N, C-alpha and C. Protein backbone atom coordinates (compact mmCIF):
# COMPACT_ATOMS: atom_id res chain seq x y z
N UNK A 1 -18.06 -2.13 5.34
CA UNK A 1 -16.81 -1.86 6.06
C UNK A 1 -17.20 -0.22 5.55
N UNK A 2 -16.54 0.51 6.51
CA UNK A 2 -16.59 1.39 7.05
C UNK A 2 -15.45 2.60 5.48
N UNK A 3 -15.99 3.51 5.18
CA UNK A 3 -14.86 4.61 4.11
C UNK A 3 -13.89 4.51 4.99
N UNK A 4 -13.23 5.07 5.67
CA UNK A 4 -12.00 5.26 5.85
C UNK A 4 -11.07 3.67 6.40
N UNK A 5 -11.91 2.83 6.04
CA UNK A 5 -11.10 1.42 6.11
C UNK A 5 -10.82 1.26 4.63
N UNK A 6 -12.12 1.63 3.58
CA UNK A 6 -11.69 1.59 2.10
C UNK A 6 -10.24 1.98 1.66
N UNK A 7 -10.26 3.88 2.58
CA UNK A 7 -9.62 4.12 1.93
C UNK A 7 -7.98 4.01 2.18
N UNK A 8 -7.45 3.05 3.05
CA UNK A 8 -6.88 2.92 3.78
C UNK A 8 -5.90 0.83 2.98
N UNK A 9 -7.19 0.80 2.11
CA UNK A 9 -7.13 -0.67 1.44
C UNK A 9 -5.70 -0.10 0.52
N UNK A 10 -5.20 -1.33 0.62
CA UNK A 10 -3.60 -1.32 -0.62
C UNK A 10 -3.73 -2.72 -1.35
N UNK A 11 -2.91 -2.94 -2.40
CA UNK A 11 -3.41 -3.79 -3.65
C UNK A 11 -2.92 -4.64 -2.89
N UNK A 12 -2.12 -5.06 -1.75
CA UNK A 12 -1.35 -6.37 -1.45
C UNK A 12 -2.77 -7.07 -0.70
N UNK A 13 -3.74 -6.27 0.21
CA UNK A 13 -5.05 -6.38 0.79
C UNK A 13 -5.86 -6.96 -0.22
N UNK A 14 -5.68 -6.79 -1.39
CA UNK A 14 -6.89 -7.32 -2.30
C UNK A 14 -7.10 -8.91 -2.28
N UNK A 15 -7.93 -9.73 -2.54
CA UNK A 15 -7.41 -10.96 -2.92
C UNK A 15 -8.53 -11.53 -3.72
N UNK A 16 -8.11 -10.86 -5.08
CA UNK A 16 -9.64 -11.48 -5.67
C UNK A 16 -8.94 -12.45 -6.01
N UNK A 17 -9.23 -14.11 -5.67
CA UNK A 17 -9.57 -15.47 -6.25
C UNK A 17 -10.03 -15.99 -5.00
N UNK A 18 -9.68 -15.20 -4.12
CA UNK A 18 -10.54 -15.93 -2.93
C UNK A 18 -12.06 -14.73 -2.78
N UNK A 19 -11.71 -13.69 -3.82
CA UNK A 19 -12.95 -12.49 -2.73
C UNK A 19 -12.73 -12.74 -1.66
N UNK A 20 -12.18 -11.95 -1.42
CA UNK A 20 -11.79 -11.17 -0.28
C UNK A 20 -10.70 -9.75 0.12
N UNK A 21 -11.23 -8.48 0.69
CA UNK A 21 -11.10 -8.01 1.70
C UNK A 21 -10.10 -8.13 2.80
N UNK A 22 -8.82 -7.50 3.07
CA UNK A 22 -7.76 -7.19 4.15
C UNK A 22 -8.27 -5.92 5.18
N UNK A 23 -9.47 -6.11 6.10
CA UNK A 23 -8.96 -4.58 6.83
C UNK A 23 -8.27 -4.60 7.80
N UNK A 24 -7.14 -3.72 7.59
CA UNK A 24 -6.34 -3.06 8.27
C UNK A 24 -6.75 -2.43 9.83
N UNK A 25 -6.52 -2.71 10.92
CA UNK A 25 -7.00 -1.58 11.65
C UNK A 25 -7.59 -0.95 12.02
N UNK A 26 -8.95 -1.83 11.68
CA UNK A 26 -10.33 -1.53 11.53
C UNK A 26 -10.92 -0.68 12.59
N UNK A 27 -11.86 -0.94 13.45
CA UNK A 27 -12.75 -0.75 14.62
C UNK A 27 -12.28 -1.47 15.74
N UNK A 28 -12.12 -0.92 16.70
CA UNK A 28 -11.60 -1.93 17.59
C UNK A 28 -9.57 -1.95 17.42
N UNK A 29 -8.77 -1.28 16.41
CA UNK A 29 -7.59 -1.59 16.16
C UNK A 29 -7.94 -3.06 15.42
N UNK A 30 -8.79 -3.28 15.14
CA UNK A 30 -8.35 -4.80 15.24
C UNK A 30 -7.67 -5.10 13.28
N UNK A 31 -7.64 -6.01 13.05
CA UNK A 31 -7.32 -6.28 11.46
C UNK A 31 -8.80 -8.12 11.31
N UNK A 32 -9.58 -7.63 10.34
CA UNK A 32 -10.68 -8.55 10.08
C UNK A 32 -10.32 -8.75 8.47
N UNK A 33 -11.72 -10.26 7.99
CA UNK A 33 -11.13 -10.12 6.62
C UNK A 33 -12.55 -9.81 5.96
N UNK A 34 -12.74 -9.42 5.24
CA UNK A 34 -14.47 -9.55 4.85
C UNK A 34 -14.65 -9.76 2.94
N UNK A 35 -16.23 -9.73 2.99
CA UNK A 35 -16.35 -10.31 1.39
C UNK A 35 -15.77 -9.26 0.21
N UNK A 36 -15.05 -9.48 -0.27
CA UNK A 36 -15.34 -8.65 -1.93
C UNK A 36 -16.37 -8.94 -3.45
N UNK A 37 -17.46 -8.15 -2.85
CA UNK A 37 -18.52 -8.20 -3.13
C UNK A 37 -18.37 -8.46 -5.07
N UNK A 38 -18.97 -9.51 -6.29
CA UNK A 38 -18.79 -10.09 -7.40
C UNK A 38 -18.68 -8.67 -8.28
N UNK A 39 -19.46 -7.67 -7.63
CA UNK A 39 -19.84 -6.90 -8.80
C UNK A 39 -18.60 -5.85 -9.21
N UNK A 40 -17.79 -5.73 -7.23
CA UNK A 40 -16.84 -5.14 -7.81
C UNK A 40 -15.54 -5.68 -8.01
N UNK A 41 -15.32 -7.02 -8.04
CA UNK A 41 -13.68 -7.60 -8.85
C UNK A 41 -13.63 -6.55 -10.12
N UNK A 42 -13.98 -6.73 -11.25
CA UNK A 42 -14.25 -6.13 -12.75
C UNK A 42 -13.89 -4.39 -11.79
N UNK A 43 -14.38 -3.55 -11.48
CA UNK A 43 -14.24 -2.63 -11.68
C UNK A 43 -12.73 -2.11 -10.79
N UNK A 44 -12.35 -2.82 -9.75
CA UNK A 44 -11.65 -2.77 -8.68
C UNK A 44 -10.37 -3.10 -9.69
N UNK A 45 -10.39 -3.96 -10.86
CA UNK A 45 -9.44 -4.84 -10.98
C UNK A 45 -9.38 -3.80 -12.27
N UNK A 46 -9.73 -2.51 -13.03
CA UNK A 46 -9.62 -1.87 -14.73
C UNK A 46 -9.01 -0.47 -13.17
N UNK A 47 -9.58 -0.52 -11.66
CA UNK A 47 -8.51 0.74 -11.23
C UNK A 47 -7.16 0.50 -11.25
N UNK A 48 -7.31 -0.51 -10.36
CA UNK A 48 -5.60 -1.01 -10.40
C UNK A 48 -4.93 -1.21 -11.79
N UNK A 49 -5.36 -1.16 -12.07
CA UNK A 49 -4.90 -1.58 -13.95
C UNK A 49 -3.85 0.11 -14.19
N UNK A 50 -5.47 1.17 -13.81
CA UNK A 50 -5.07 2.36 -14.19
C UNK A 50 -3.55 2.91 -13.30
N UNK A 51 -3.97 2.94 -12.60
CA UNK A 51 -3.04 2.70 -11.76
C UNK A 51 -1.47 2.51 -11.40
N UNK A 52 -1.35 1.53 -12.35
CA UNK A 52 -0.47 0.29 -12.25
C UNK A 52 0.54 1.35 -13.99
N UNK A 53 -0.44 1.86 -14.24
CA UNK A 53 0.11 2.24 -15.61
C UNK A 53 0.78 3.64 -15.86
N UNK A 54 -0.46 4.31 -14.82
CA UNK A 54 0.55 5.77 -14.61
C UNK A 54 1.36 5.69 -13.54
N UNK A 55 1.80 4.92 -12.97
CA UNK A 55 2.79 4.73 -12.00
C UNK A 55 3.37 4.20 -12.39
N UNK A 56 3.89 3.73 -13.78
CA UNK A 56 5.24 3.00 -14.43
C UNK A 56 5.52 4.75 -15.72
N UNK A 57 4.19 5.14 -15.77
CA UNK A 57 4.69 5.67 -17.02
C UNK A 57 5.30 7.09 -15.68
N UNK A 58 5.19 7.69 -14.72
CA UNK A 58 5.39 7.99 -13.37
C UNK A 58 7.15 7.82 -12.48
N UNK A 59 7.12 7.10 -12.93
CA UNK A 59 8.33 5.90 -12.51
C UNK A 59 9.50 6.62 -14.24
N UNK A 60 8.65 6.05 -15.05
CA UNK A 60 9.44 6.37 -16.80
C UNK A 60 9.60 7.91 -16.67
N UNK A 61 8.83 8.36 -16.38
CA UNK A 61 10.03 9.99 -16.26
C UNK A 61 10.38 10.60 -15.20
N UNK A 62 10.50 9.92 -14.27
CA UNK A 62 11.82 10.12 -13.10
C UNK A 62 11.08 10.84 -11.61
N UNK A 63 9.92 10.24 -11.81
CA UNK A 63 9.05 11.29 -11.17
C UNK A 63 7.94 10.18 -9.63
N UNK A 64 8.12 9.20 -10.31
CA UNK A 64 7.16 7.50 -9.04
C UNK A 64 7.72 7.78 -7.49
N UNK A 65 9.06 8.65 -7.07
CA UNK A 65 9.04 7.77 -6.28
C UNK A 65 8.85 8.83 -5.07
N UNK A 66 9.41 8.11 -3.86
CA UNK A 66 9.35 8.48 -2.69
C UNK A 66 10.09 9.15 -1.93
N UNK A 67 10.58 10.54 -1.37
CA UNK A 67 11.74 10.41 -0.57
C UNK A 67 11.30 9.65 0.94
N UNK A 68 11.84 10.04 1.68
CA UNK A 68 11.94 9.34 2.91
C UNK A 68 13.11 10.14 3.51
N UNK A 69 12.90 11.01 4.64
CA UNK A 69 13.53 11.68 4.90
C UNK A 69 14.86 10.96 6.21
N UNK A 70 15.31 12.10 6.36
CA UNK A 70 16.89 11.98 7.00
C UNK A 70 17.30 11.87 8.10
N UNK A 71 15.84 11.22 8.74
CA UNK A 71 16.05 11.84 10.74
C UNK A 71 15.21 10.57 10.84
N UNK A 72 14.48 9.46 9.76
CA UNK A 72 14.03 8.21 9.24
C UNK A 72 15.38 7.13 8.87
N UNK A 73 15.86 8.17 7.91
CA UNK A 73 16.99 7.05 7.86
C UNK A 73 18.37 6.32 8.46
N UNK A 74 18.40 7.83 9.62
CA UNK A 74 19.96 7.84 9.93
C UNK A 74 19.38 6.87 11.13
N UNK A 75 18.47 6.57 11.46
CA UNK A 75 17.48 5.57 13.06
C UNK A 75 17.40 3.95 12.04
N UNK A 76 18.22 4.03 11.26
CA UNK A 76 18.05 2.44 10.03
C UNK A 76 18.26 2.26 10.09
N UNK A 77 18.82 0.84 9.44
CA UNK A 77 19.76 0.20 9.10
C UNK A 77 20.48 0.38 7.87
N UNK A 78 18.83 1.64 7.22
CA UNK A 78 19.16 1.41 5.85
C UNK A 78 20.36 2.75 5.71
N UNK A 79 20.84 3.48 6.16
CA UNK A 79 21.45 4.75 6.45
C UNK A 79 22.10 4.90 5.35
N UNK A 80 22.10 5.94 4.44
CA UNK A 80 23.29 5.81 3.41
C UNK A 80 24.29 6.52 3.89
N UNK A 81 24.09 6.54 5.09
CA UNK A 81 26.27 7.10 5.70
C UNK A 81 26.50 6.15 6.78
N UNK A 82 27.67 6.31 6.98
CA UNK A 82 28.12 5.46 7.71
C UNK A 82 28.46 5.76 8.83
N UNK A 83 27.28 4.81 9.56
CA UNK A 83 28.13 5.19 11.21
C UNK A 83 26.41 6.48 11.60
N UNK A 84 25.85 6.29 11.00
CA UNK A 84 25.04 7.68 11.02
C UNK A 84 23.88 7.13 11.53
N UNK A 85 24.37 6.13 13.24
CA UNK A 85 23.37 5.59 13.98
C UNK A 85 22.75 4.51 13.53
N UNK A 86 22.86 4.10 13.02
CA UNK A 86 21.68 2.03 12.64
C UNK A 86 21.89 1.44 13.90
N UNK A 87 20.82 0.50 14.03
CA UNK A 87 20.97 -0.74 14.94
C UNK A 87 21.84 -0.77 14.76
N UNK A 88 22.94 -1.65 15.82
CA UNK A 88 23.52 -2.61 15.79
C UNK A 88 23.97 -4.45 15.62
């Protein structure tokens, strides 16, 4: 697995039960499935739990949200303003 592929991993890309990692947009811009080594399962679970706890604390302190640029919002159905250029 390449470093950039590891940095792009998301929680939904980890399958603990099947011991698999889904690598998205890897070499050649292709997705693939690779093995999750047994010796990484426990440390990865612990890291994900630490991140989950930290995120929960941030949300409770009104700090864990991410803003969205108004330009993007105005080009989608999620527009906060009526008639702001959503898809018909």
